[in-house]
N, C-alpha and C. Protein backbone atom coordinates (compact mmCIF):
# COMPACT_ATOMS: atom_id res chain seq x y z
N MET A 1 107.75 -131.19 242.22
CA MET A 1 107.73 -130.47 240.75
C MET A 1 106.68 -130.50 240.08
N THR A 2 106.71 -129.84 238.98
CA THR A 2 105.56 -129.43 238.02
C THR A 2 105.49 -130.59 236.85
N GLU A 3 104.02 -131.01 236.72
CA GLU A 3 103.62 -132.20 236.09
C GLU A 3 103.66 -130.85 234.26
N VAL A 4 104.33 -131.43 233.13
CA VAL A 4 104.42 -130.85 231.98
C VAL A 4 103.93 -131.73 231.19
N THR A 5 103.54 -131.31 229.90
CA THR A 5 102.24 -132.09 228.95
C THR A 5 102.84 -131.32 227.61
N ALA A 6 103.71 -132.03 226.55
CA ALA A 6 103.85 -131.30 225.45
C ALA A 6 104.69 -129.92 225.85
N GLY A 7 105.48 -129.81 226.93
CA GLY A 7 106.40 -128.78 226.78
C GLY A 7 105.71 -127.88 227.59
N LEU A 8 104.35 -127.73 227.90
CA LEU A 8 103.79 -126.81 228.72
C LEU A 8 103.68 -127.74 230.34
N THR A 9 103.13 -126.54 231.21
CA THR A 9 103.07 -127.02 232.66
C THR A 9 101.52 -127.15 232.41
N ALA A 10 101.14 -127.98 233.51
CA ALA A 10 99.43 -128.20 233.55
C ALA A 10 98.83 -126.96 233.86
N LYS A 11 99.15 -126.24 234.01
CA LYS A 11 98.55 -124.49 234.50
C LYS A 11 98.28 -123.66 232.82
N GLU A 12 99.82 -124.00 232.09
CA GLU A 12 99.67 -123.34 231.10
C GLU A 12 99.04 -124.25 230.08
N GLU A 13 98.71 -125.67 230.36
CA GLU A 13 97.54 -126.43 229.26
C GLU A 13 96.43 -126.16 229.47
N ARG A 14 95.91 -125.80 231.12
CA ARG A 14 94.39 -125.50 230.86
C ARG A 14 93.96 -124.35 230.12
N THR A 15 95.34 -123.18 230.46
CA THR A 15 95.25 -121.86 229.79
C THR A 15 94.91 -122.09 228.30
N LEU A 16 95.94 -123.01 227.45
CA LEU A 16 95.69 -123.05 226.56
C LEU A 16 94.29 -124.02 225.71
N ILE A 17 93.72 -124.76 226.67
CA ILE A 17 92.51 -125.48 226.51
C ILE A 17 91.34 -124.21 226.37
N SER A 18 91.77 -123.57 227.64
CA SER A 18 90.48 -122.19 227.79
C SER A 18 90.52 -121.08 226.45
N LEU A 19 91.79 -120.95 226.02
CA LEU A 19 91.88 -120.25 224.70
C LEU A 19 91.32 -120.75 223.56
N LEU A 20 92.24 -121.81 223.44
CA LEU A 20 91.61 -122.71 222.26
C LEU A 20 89.85 -122.82 221.92
N GLY A 21 89.06 -122.65 223.29
CA GLY A 21 87.68 -122.60 223.05
C GLY A 21 86.85 -121.20 223.00
N LYS A 22 87.77 -120.20 222.83
CA LYS A 22 87.59 -118.73 222.14
C LYS A 22 87.85 -118.42 221.02
N ILE A 23 88.28 -119.72 220.18
CA ILE A 23 88.71 -119.54 218.48
C ILE A 23 88.00 -119.46 217.84
N GLY A 24 87.46 -118.11 216.93
CA GLY A 24 86.87 -117.92 215.82
C GLY A 24 87.56 -118.08 214.51
N GLN A 25 86.53 -118.06 213.49
CA GLN A 25 87.24 -117.69 212.07
C GLN A 25 86.86 -116.21 211.98
N PRO A 26 87.71 -115.66 210.83
CA PRO A 26 88.94 -116.09 210.57
C PRO A 26 89.96 -115.75 211.42
N TRP A 27 91.39 -116.93 211.20
CA TRP A 27 92.42 -116.56 212.13
C TRP A 27 92.95 -115.52 211.62
N SER A 28 94.16 -114.69 212.12
CA SER A 28 95.27 -113.92 211.74
C SER A 28 95.97 -114.52 211.17
N GLN A 29 97.15 -114.09 209.98
CA GLN A 29 97.99 -115.01 209.60
C GLN A 29 99.06 -115.33 210.82
N GLU A 30 99.44 -114.59 211.55
CA GLU A 30 100.36 -114.80 212.64
C GLU A 30 99.76 -116.09 213.84
N LEU A 31 98.45 -116.16 213.77
CA LEU A 31 97.77 -117.33 214.63
C LEU A 31 97.87 -118.62 213.76
N TYR A 32 97.62 -118.64 212.61
CA TYR A 32 97.44 -119.69 211.64
C TYR A 32 98.99 -120.11 211.41
N LEU A 33 100.28 -119.25 211.39
CA LEU A 33 101.27 -119.83 211.05
C LEU A 33 101.72 -120.42 212.32
N ALA A 34 101.18 -119.98 213.49
CA ALA A 34 101.84 -120.90 214.84
C ALA A 34 101.24 -122.02 214.75
N ILE A 35 100.01 -122.33 214.92
CA ILE A 35 99.29 -123.55 214.79
C ILE A 35 99.73 -124.47 213.66
N CYS A 36 99.62 -124.16 212.53
CA CYS A 36 100.07 -124.90 211.26
C CYS A 36 101.20 -125.84 212.18
N PRO A 37 102.48 -125.64 212.13
CA PRO A 37 103.36 -126.76 212.61
C PRO A 37 103.02 -127.80 213.41
N HIS A 38 101.91 -127.50 214.50
CA HIS A 38 101.48 -128.45 215.79
C HIS A 38 100.35 -129.29 215.10
N LEU A 39 99.68 -129.30 214.10
CA LEU A 39 98.75 -129.72 213.40
C LEU A 39 98.39 -130.10 212.03
N CYS A 40 97.89 -131.77 211.93
CA CYS A 40 97.87 -131.79 210.31
C CYS A 40 96.43 -130.94 210.17
N LEU A 41 96.42 -129.90 209.12
CA LEU A 41 95.48 -129.37 208.44
C LEU A 41 94.79 -130.14 206.93
N THR A 42 93.48 -129.50 206.75
CA THR A 42 93.06 -129.94 206.11
C THR A 42 93.14 -129.20 204.61
N ALA A 43 93.47 -129.37 203.45
CA ALA A 43 94.02 -128.83 202.67
C ALA A 43 92.76 -129.42 201.71
N THR A 44 91.87 -128.03 200.55
CA THR A 44 90.88 -128.45 199.78
C THR A 44 91.79 -127.74 198.67
N GLU A 45 92.10 -128.62 197.73
CA GLU A 45 93.17 -128.47 196.78
C GLU A 45 92.72 -128.28 195.40
N THR A 46 92.16 -127.11 194.74
CA THR A 46 91.29 -127.45 193.35
C THR A 46 92.65 -127.23 192.15
N VAL A 47 92.40 -128.00 191.13
CA VAL A 47 93.31 -128.12 190.12
C VAL A 47 92.46 -127.83 188.91
N PHE A 48 92.85 -126.49 188.29
CA PHE A 48 91.80 -126.23 187.36
C PHE A 48 92.50 -126.52 186.03
N ILE A 49 91.78 -127.44 184.96
CA ILE A 49 92.63 -128.15 183.82
C ILE A 49 91.19 -127.45 182.66
N LYS A 50 92.21 -127.24 181.53
CA LYS A 50 91.41 -127.42 180.19
C LYS A 50 92.28 -127.59 179.31
N LYS A 51 91.29 -128.12 178.17
CA LYS A 51 92.25 -128.98 176.82
C LYS A 51 92.12 -128.35 175.78
N ILE A 52 93.26 -128.08 174.97
CA ILE A 52 93.55 -127.44 173.62
C ILE A 52 94.02 -128.66 172.81
N GLY A 53 93.07 -128.45 171.69
CA GLY A 53 93.85 -129.33 170.86
C GLY A 53 94.66 -130.81 171.33
N GLY A 54 94.11 -130.98 171.89
CA GLY A 54 94.53 -132.41 172.57
C GLY A 54 95.54 -132.18 174.06
N VAL A 55 95.97 -131.07 173.98
CA VAL A 55 97.08 -130.82 175.07
C VAL A 55 95.90 -130.27 176.44
N LEU A 56 96.61 -131.14 177.72
CA LEU A 56 95.52 -130.47 178.82
C LEU A 56 96.98 -129.29 179.52
N PHE A 57 95.92 -128.75 179.96
CA PHE A 57 96.74 -127.26 180.38
C PHE A 57 96.13 -126.98 181.84
N VAL A 58 97.08 -126.55 182.99
CA VAL A 58 96.89 -126.20 184.32
C VAL A 58 96.63 -124.90 184.48
N LEU A 59 96.00 -124.16 185.27
CA LEU A 59 95.73 -122.73 185.81
C LEU A 59 96.66 -122.38 186.51
N LEU A 60 97.67 -121.79 187.17
CA LEU A 60 98.84 -121.62 188.06
C LEU A 60 98.48 -119.83 188.20
N PRO A 61 97.75 -119.49 188.94
CA PRO A 61 98.06 -118.13 189.44
C PRO A 61 99.15 -118.11 190.52
N ASP A 62 99.35 -116.83 190.40
CA ASP A 62 100.85 -116.77 191.60
C ASP A 62 100.08 -116.46 192.94
N ARG A 63 100.69 -116.70 194.03
CA ARG A 63 100.57 -116.23 195.25
C ARG A 63 100.74 -115.08 195.56
N ASN A 64 99.62 -114.60 196.68
CA ASN A 64 99.79 -113.03 197.11
C ASN A 64 101.48 -112.69 197.71
N ALA A 65 101.73 -111.51 197.37
CA ALA A 65 103.36 -111.24 197.71
C ALA A 65 103.45 -110.82 199.11
N ASN A 66 102.88 -111.44 199.85
CA ASN A 66 102.50 -111.12 201.36
C ASN A 66 103.07 -112.79 202.07
N ASP A 67 102.60 -113.76 201.24
CA ASP A 67 102.84 -115.26 201.83
C ASP A 67 104.45 -114.88 202.11
N PRO A 68 103.96 -115.54 203.32
CA PRO A 68 105.27 -115.90 204.08
C PRO A 68 106.34 -116.61 203.55
N ASN A 69 105.72 -117.91 202.95
CA ASN A 69 106.53 -119.06 202.36
C ASN A 69 106.70 -119.05 200.94
N TRP A 70 105.87 -118.60 200.25
CA TRP A 70 105.84 -118.59 198.77
C TRP A 70 105.24 -117.44 197.84
N ALA A 71 105.46 -116.52 198.48
CA ALA A 71 105.42 -115.31 197.65
C ALA A 71 105.91 -115.00 196.34
N GLY A 72 104.28 -114.65 195.87
CA GLY A 72 104.45 -114.76 194.38
C GLY A 72 104.69 -115.84 193.40
N LEU A 73 104.89 -117.23 193.82
CA LEU A 73 105.41 -118.09 193.21
C LEU A 73 103.78 -118.97 192.45
N PRO A 74 104.16 -119.22 191.23
CA PRO A 74 103.03 -119.94 190.82
C PRO A 74 102.15 -121.05 191.41
N HIS A 75 100.91 -121.37 191.68
CA HIS A 75 100.43 -122.60 192.71
C HIS A 75 98.99 -122.56 191.94
N SER A 76 98.44 -124.19 192.11
CA SER A 76 96.89 -124.29 192.17
C SER A 76 96.50 -123.88 193.35
N PRO A 77 95.17 -123.20 193.16
CA PRO A 77 94.86 -122.32 194.20
C PRO A 77 93.69 -123.45 195.31
N GLY A 78 93.63 -123.32 196.33
CA GLY A 78 93.26 -123.81 197.43
C GLY A 78 92.78 -123.21 198.38
N SER A 79 91.89 -124.06 199.54
CA SER A 79 91.71 -123.22 200.87
C SER A 79 91.67 -124.35 201.79
N MET A 80 92.12 -123.86 203.08
CA MET A 80 92.07 -124.89 204.39
C MET A 80 90.48 -125.08 204.54
N LEU A 81 90.78 -126.37 204.91
CA LEU A 81 88.89 -126.47 205.29
C LEU A 81 89.10 -125.77 206.63
N ARG A 82 87.95 -125.20 207.00
CA ARG A 82 87.60 -124.09 208.41
C ARG A 82 86.80 -124.83 209.08
N GLY A 83 86.59 -124.48 210.51
CA GLY A 83 85.72 -124.93 211.28
C GLY A 83 84.67 -124.52 211.45
N THR A 84 84.20 -122.99 210.41
CA THR A 84 83.12 -122.57 210.20
C THR A 84 82.58 -122.86 209.37
N ASP A 85 83.31 -123.51 208.20
CA ASP A 85 82.20 -123.87 207.22
C ASP A 85 81.15 -124.77 206.99
N THR A 86 80.02 -124.37 206.42
CA THR A 86 78.99 -124.86 206.20
C THR A 86 78.86 -126.09 205.13
N LYS A 87 77.89 -126.97 205.94
CA LYS A 87 77.92 -127.99 205.27
C LYS A 87 77.05 -127.57 203.96
N GLY A 88 77.35 -127.82 202.63
CA GLY A 88 76.55 -127.57 201.42
C GLY A 88 76.55 -128.92 200.86
N LYS A 89 76.07 -128.70 199.38
CA LYS A 89 74.99 -129.75 198.70
C LYS A 89 76.55 -130.14 197.67
N ASN A 90 77.46 -129.11 197.43
CA ASN A 90 78.74 -129.40 196.48
C ASN A 90 79.88 -130.62 197.24
N ILE A 91 80.11 -131.52 196.48
CA ILE A 91 81.15 -132.22 196.67
C ILE A 91 80.96 -132.23 198.48
N ASP A 92 79.78 -132.97 198.99
CA ASP A 92 79.84 -133.63 200.45
C ASP A 92 79.99 -132.50 201.04
N GLY A 93 79.73 -131.54 200.86
CA GLY A 93 80.28 -130.30 202.15
C GLY A 93 80.68 -129.44 201.88
N PHE A 94 81.86 -129.49 200.91
CA PHE A 94 83.32 -128.56 200.44
C PHE A 94 82.99 -127.63 199.92
N ALA A 95 81.54 -126.93 199.95
CA ALA A 95 81.45 -125.73 199.11
C ALA A 95 82.07 -124.50 199.14
N ASP A 96 82.40 -124.43 200.15
CA ASP A 96 82.88 -123.36 201.30
C ASP A 96 84.28 -122.93 200.38
N PRO A 97 85.43 -124.26 201.12
CA PRO A 97 86.62 -123.78 200.15
C PRO A 97 86.89 -123.74 199.33
N ILE A 98 86.03 -124.59 198.13
CA ILE A 98 85.84 -124.75 196.86
C ILE A 98 85.32 -123.24 195.96
N SER A 99 84.59 -122.83 196.60
CA SER A 99 84.11 -121.21 196.47
C SER A 99 85.49 -120.66 196.39
N ARG A 100 85.82 -120.38 197.94
CA ARG A 100 87.40 -119.67 197.87
C ARG A 100 88.17 -119.57 196.74
N ALA A 101 88.34 -120.88 196.68
CA ALA A 101 89.17 -121.00 195.72
C ALA A 101 88.76 -120.48 194.35
N CYS A 102 87.51 -120.87 194.09
CA CYS A 102 87.20 -119.93 192.60
C CYS A 102 87.12 -118.78 192.64
N ARG A 103 86.96 -117.98 193.79
CA ARG A 103 86.84 -116.46 193.96
C ARG A 103 88.09 -116.19 193.82
N GLU A 104 89.59 -117.12 194.32
CA GLU A 104 90.40 -116.91 194.24
C GLU A 104 91.25 -115.98 192.71
N ILE A 105 90.66 -117.09 191.68
CA ILE A 105 90.72 -116.80 190.45
C ILE A 105 89.56 -116.27 189.44
N GLY A 106 88.90 -115.86 190.33
CA GLY A 106 87.85 -115.03 189.63
C GLY A 106 86.46 -115.54 188.86
N VAL A 107 86.80 -116.84 189.12
CA VAL A 107 85.19 -117.58 188.36
C VAL A 107 84.38 -118.25 189.24
N ASP A 108 82.85 -117.82 188.79
CA ASP A 108 81.96 -118.28 189.11
C ASP A 108 82.08 -119.79 189.78
N PRO A 109 81.89 -120.61 191.38
CA PRO A 109 81.72 -121.46 191.71
C PRO A 109 80.48 -122.50 190.80
N LYS A 110 79.65 -121.67 190.49
CA LYS A 110 78.06 -122.81 189.63
C LYS A 110 78.68 -123.06 188.50
N GLN A 111 80.05 -122.60 187.56
CA GLN A 111 80.14 -122.43 186.24
C GLN A 111 81.14 -123.54 186.50
N VAL A 112 81.79 -124.31 187.87
CA VAL A 112 82.44 -124.94 187.18
C VAL A 112 82.33 -126.64 187.78
N THR A 113 83.14 -127.51 187.07
CA THR A 113 82.94 -129.06 186.82
C THR A 113 83.90 -129.36 187.76
N ILE A 114 83.22 -130.35 188.86
CA ILE A 114 84.68 -130.40 190.28
C ILE A 114 84.48 -132.17 190.11
N GLY A 115 85.72 -132.55 190.30
CA GLY A 115 85.45 -133.94 190.63
C GLY A 115 86.54 -134.17 191.30
N PHE A 116 86.21 -135.38 192.82
CA PHE A 116 87.07 -135.82 193.57
C PHE A 116 88.28 -136.60 192.85
N ALA A 117 89.23 -136.11 193.03
CA ALA A 117 90.44 -137.13 192.72
C ALA A 117 91.42 -138.37 193.50
N ASP A 118 91.77 -137.51 194.39
CA ASP A 118 91.91 -138.70 195.69
C ASP A 118 92.46 -137.00 196.90
N PHE A 119 93.35 -137.87 197.97
CA PHE A 119 93.92 -137.53 199.03
C PHE A 119 95.05 -137.60 198.97
N ILE A 120 95.99 -136.50 199.53
CA ILE A 120 97.18 -136.74 199.31
C ILE A 120 97.84 -136.34 200.91
N THR A 121 98.78 -136.71 201.33
CA THR A 121 99.73 -136.30 202.88
C THR A 121 100.72 -135.65 202.28
N GLN A 122 101.44 -134.81 202.94
CA GLN A 122 102.35 -133.80 202.81
C GLN A 122 102.86 -132.93 203.74
N GLN A 123 104.13 -133.13 203.74
CA GLN A 123 105.12 -131.95 204.68
C GLN A 123 105.45 -130.83 204.07
N THR A 124 104.49 -129.71 204.11
CA THR A 124 105.02 -128.60 203.99
C THR A 124 105.80 -127.83 204.28
N ALA A 125 105.76 -126.31 203.92
CA ALA A 125 106.74 -125.75 204.90
C ALA A 125 105.83 -124.86 205.86
N ARG A 126 104.79 -124.91 205.98
CA ARG A 126 103.71 -124.57 206.83
C ARG A 126 103.71 -125.72 208.15
N GLY A 127 104.01 -127.14 207.40
CA GLY A 127 103.35 -128.23 208.61
C GLY A 127 102.92 -129.19 207.69
N PRO A 128 102.46 -130.26 208.92
CA PRO A 128 101.76 -131.49 207.75
C PRO A 128 100.71 -130.91 207.25
N GLU A 129 100.07 -131.11 206.11
CA GLU A 129 98.54 -131.09 205.32
C GLU A 129 97.97 -132.32 204.52
N LEU A 130 97.04 -132.94 205.08
CA LEU A 130 96.46 -133.36 204.60
C LEU A 130 95.40 -132.65 203.30
N GLY A 131 95.67 -133.21 202.00
CA GLY A 131 94.72 -132.54 201.48
C GLY A 131 93.85 -133.37 200.33
N MET A 132 92.65 -132.54 200.01
CA MET A 132 92.09 -133.03 199.35
C MET A 132 91.75 -132.66 197.84
N VAL A 133 92.23 -133.46 196.92
CA VAL A 133 92.64 -132.96 195.58
C VAL A 133 91.14 -133.11 194.38
N PHE A 134 90.79 -131.85 194.32
CA PHE A 134 89.86 -131.79 193.19
C PHE A 134 90.27 -131.46 191.82
N ALA A 135 89.80 -131.97 191.04
CA ALA A 135 89.79 -131.55 189.67
C ALA A 135 88.89 -130.85 189.02
N CYS A 136 89.29 -129.66 188.30
CA CYS A 136 88.10 -128.59 188.05
C CYS A 136 88.12 -128.38 186.60
N THR A 137 87.18 -128.22 185.92
CA THR A 137 87.14 -127.66 184.73
C THR A 137 86.37 -126.43 184.93
N THR A 138 86.07 -125.51 184.34
CA THR A 138 85.08 -124.05 184.13
C THR A 138 85.19 -123.66 182.74
N SER A 139 83.94 -123.10 182.37
CA SER A 139 83.67 -122.40 181.43
C SER A 139 83.84 -120.95 180.96
N GLN A 140 84.20 -120.38 182.04
CA GLN A 140 84.86 -118.91 182.22
C GLN A 140 86.19 -119.23 182.12
N GLU A 141 86.83 -117.63 181.56
CA GLU A 141 87.82 -117.47 181.63
C GLU A 141 88.63 -116.77 182.64
N PRO A 142 89.25 -118.27 183.71
CA PRO A 142 89.81 -116.97 185.08
C PRO A 142 90.42 -115.70 185.00
N LYS A 143 89.86 -114.68 185.79
CA LYS A 143 90.47 -113.36 185.98
C LYS A 143 91.76 -113.24 186.35
N LYS A 144 92.60 -114.38 187.20
CA LYS A 144 93.56 -114.68 187.88
C LYS A 144 94.55 -115.71 187.28
N GLY A 145 95.52 -115.66 187.06
CA GLY A 145 96.34 -116.76 186.44
C GLY A 145 96.83 -117.17 185.22
N ALA A 146 97.46 -118.29 184.98
CA ALA A 146 98.05 -118.47 183.74
C ALA A 146 98.45 -119.83 183.80
N TRP A 147 97.44 -120.12 182.14
CA TRP A 147 97.20 -121.17 181.54
C TRP A 147 99.23 -121.86 181.06
N TYR A 148 99.17 -123.05 181.55
CA TYR A 148 100.61 -123.61 181.22
C TYR A 148 100.43 -125.21 181.02
N PRO A 149 100.86 -125.57 180.17
CA PRO A 149 100.80 -127.14 179.78
C PRO A 149 101.22 -128.11 180.88
N ILE A 150 100.49 -128.91 181.32
CA ILE A 150 100.42 -129.67 182.49
C ILE A 150 101.69 -130.58 182.55
N ASN A 151 102.61 -130.86 181.30
CA ASN A 151 103.48 -131.72 181.40
C ASN A 151 104.84 -130.84 181.53
N CYS A 152 104.27 -129.18 181.47
CA CYS A 152 105.91 -128.29 181.15
C CYS A 152 105.32 -127.44 182.12
N LEU A 153 105.50 -127.69 183.77
CA LEU A 153 105.05 -126.82 184.78
C LEU A 153 106.29 -125.37 184.59
N PRO A 154 106.14 -124.57 185.31
CA PRO A 154 107.04 -123.80 185.38
C PRO A 154 108.36 -124.10 186.50
N GLY A 155 109.18 -123.52 186.37
CA GLY A 155 110.31 -123.78 187.29
C GLY A 155 110.19 -123.69 189.03
N SER A 156 109.91 -122.38 188.51
CA SER A 156 109.13 -121.65 190.10
C SER A 156 108.13 -121.93 190.83
N ILE A 157 107.20 -123.16 190.46
CA ILE A 157 105.88 -123.39 190.81
C ILE A 157 106.47 -124.19 192.53
N ILE A 158 105.01 -123.87 193.47
CA ILE A 158 105.14 -124.19 194.68
C ILE A 158 105.48 -125.71 194.38
N LEU A 159 106.77 -126.34 195.22
CA LEU A 159 106.95 -127.54 194.85
C LEU A 159 106.01 -129.08 194.94
N HIS A 160 105.19 -128.89 196.35
CA HIS A 160 104.42 -129.80 196.58
C HIS A 160 102.70 -129.38 195.71
N HIS A 161 102.99 -128.83 194.93
CA HIS A 161 101.76 -128.98 194.03
C HIS A 161 102.17 -129.00 192.88
N ILE A 162 103.24 -129.92 192.65
CA ILE A 162 103.15 -130.43 191.37
C ILE A 162 102.49 -132.44 191.72
N ALA A 163 102.51 -132.74 192.75
CA ALA A 163 101.88 -133.83 193.22
C ALA A 163 100.65 -133.56 193.08
N ILE A 164 99.87 -132.71 193.52
CA ILE A 164 98.73 -132.47 193.37
C ILE A 164 98.26 -132.32 192.17
N ILE A 165 98.65 -131.42 190.87
CA ILE A 165 98.72 -131.51 190.03
C ILE A 165 98.33 -132.94 189.02
N GLU A 166 99.48 -133.67 189.49
CA GLU A 166 99.59 -134.88 188.95
C GLU A 166 98.26 -135.99 189.22
N ILE A 167 98.07 -135.79 190.69
CA ILE A 167 96.49 -136.68 191.06
C ILE A 167 95.66 -136.00 189.95
N ALA A 168 95.07 -134.95 190.01
CA ALA A 168 94.26 -134.09 189.48
C ALA A 168 94.38 -134.40 187.62
N LYS A 169 95.10 -134.29 187.26
CA LYS A 169 95.29 -135.05 185.84
C LYS A 169 94.88 -136.25 185.47
N LYS A 170 95.73 -137.15 186.41
CA LYS A 170 94.92 -138.92 186.30
C LYS A 170 93.30 -138.88 186.36
N GLN A 171 92.98 -138.01 186.99
CA GLN A 171 91.28 -137.94 187.35
C GLN A 171 90.66 -138.02 186.09
N VAL A 172 91.31 -136.22 185.36
CA VAL A 172 90.51 -135.86 184.25
C VAL A 172 91.23 -136.84 182.95
N GLU A 173 92.49 -137.57 182.82
CA GLU A 173 92.76 -138.42 182.00
C GLU A 173 91.46 -139.66 182.19
N GLU A 174 91.22 -140.16 183.12
CA GLU A 174 90.16 -141.38 183.43
C GLU A 174 88.89 -141.34 183.35
N ASN A 175 88.49 -139.90 183.09
CA ASN A 175 87.14 -139.42 183.29
C ASN A 175 87.07 -138.24 181.94
N PRO A 176 87.99 -138.29 180.55
CA PRO A 176 87.60 -137.50 179.92
C PRO A 176 86.22 -136.76 179.48
N ILE A 177 85.05 -137.78 179.63
CA ILE A 177 83.66 -137.13 179.24
C ILE A 177 82.93 -136.64 180.49
N ARG A 178 83.32 -136.66 181.60
CA ARG A 178 82.48 -136.03 183.11
C ARG A 178 83.32 -134.26 182.98
N PHE A 179 84.51 -134.33 182.22
CA PHE A 179 85.35 -132.86 182.18
C PHE A 179 85.38 -132.03 180.74
N PHE A 180 85.02 -132.96 179.94
CA PHE A 180 85.56 -132.37 178.48
C PHE A 180 84.22 -132.88 177.77
N GLY A 181 82.91 -133.34 178.12
CA GLY A 181 81.99 -134.36 177.34
C GLY A 181 82.62 -134.56 176.02
N ILE A 182 84.13 -135.93 176.26
CA ILE A 182 84.54 -136.23 174.71
C ILE A 182 84.95 -137.57 175.80
């Protein structure tokens, strides 16, 4: 009788372990989507907020047209924490994924005020995710995305991003001096 672990024979398991030892970054989209349902990935969620006349607005760029789950839908930008990310001085070492999110919307990470808001666990279309939510403000006008009143999000928004935005909103409302100097 062949030993089976997690649906694999012992030989297949050894082969998989050997192959995993060869994996570097970046991953192809195909590899990423194949792995996602089997692991809980760590998402670095950045929620860019600004205040105009006492009203909070959130920046929502559209996902890329080639995104297999949410093509073209408005979302709050973020990035998965990667094994090759370097420990930096920004937010306890999360400078790389936060910088990727900043590049996605076209702002300089050095012009962003960042505050850790909370953790969130969610089951997404890709699989389980543990999100680290960061509330962000910037002195630059982003090159990508549109600003929406935070209490009036578009109906087409990626649904699991609503909870992420709420977490960041609470952080900003509880710490207005940190984010807006008032």
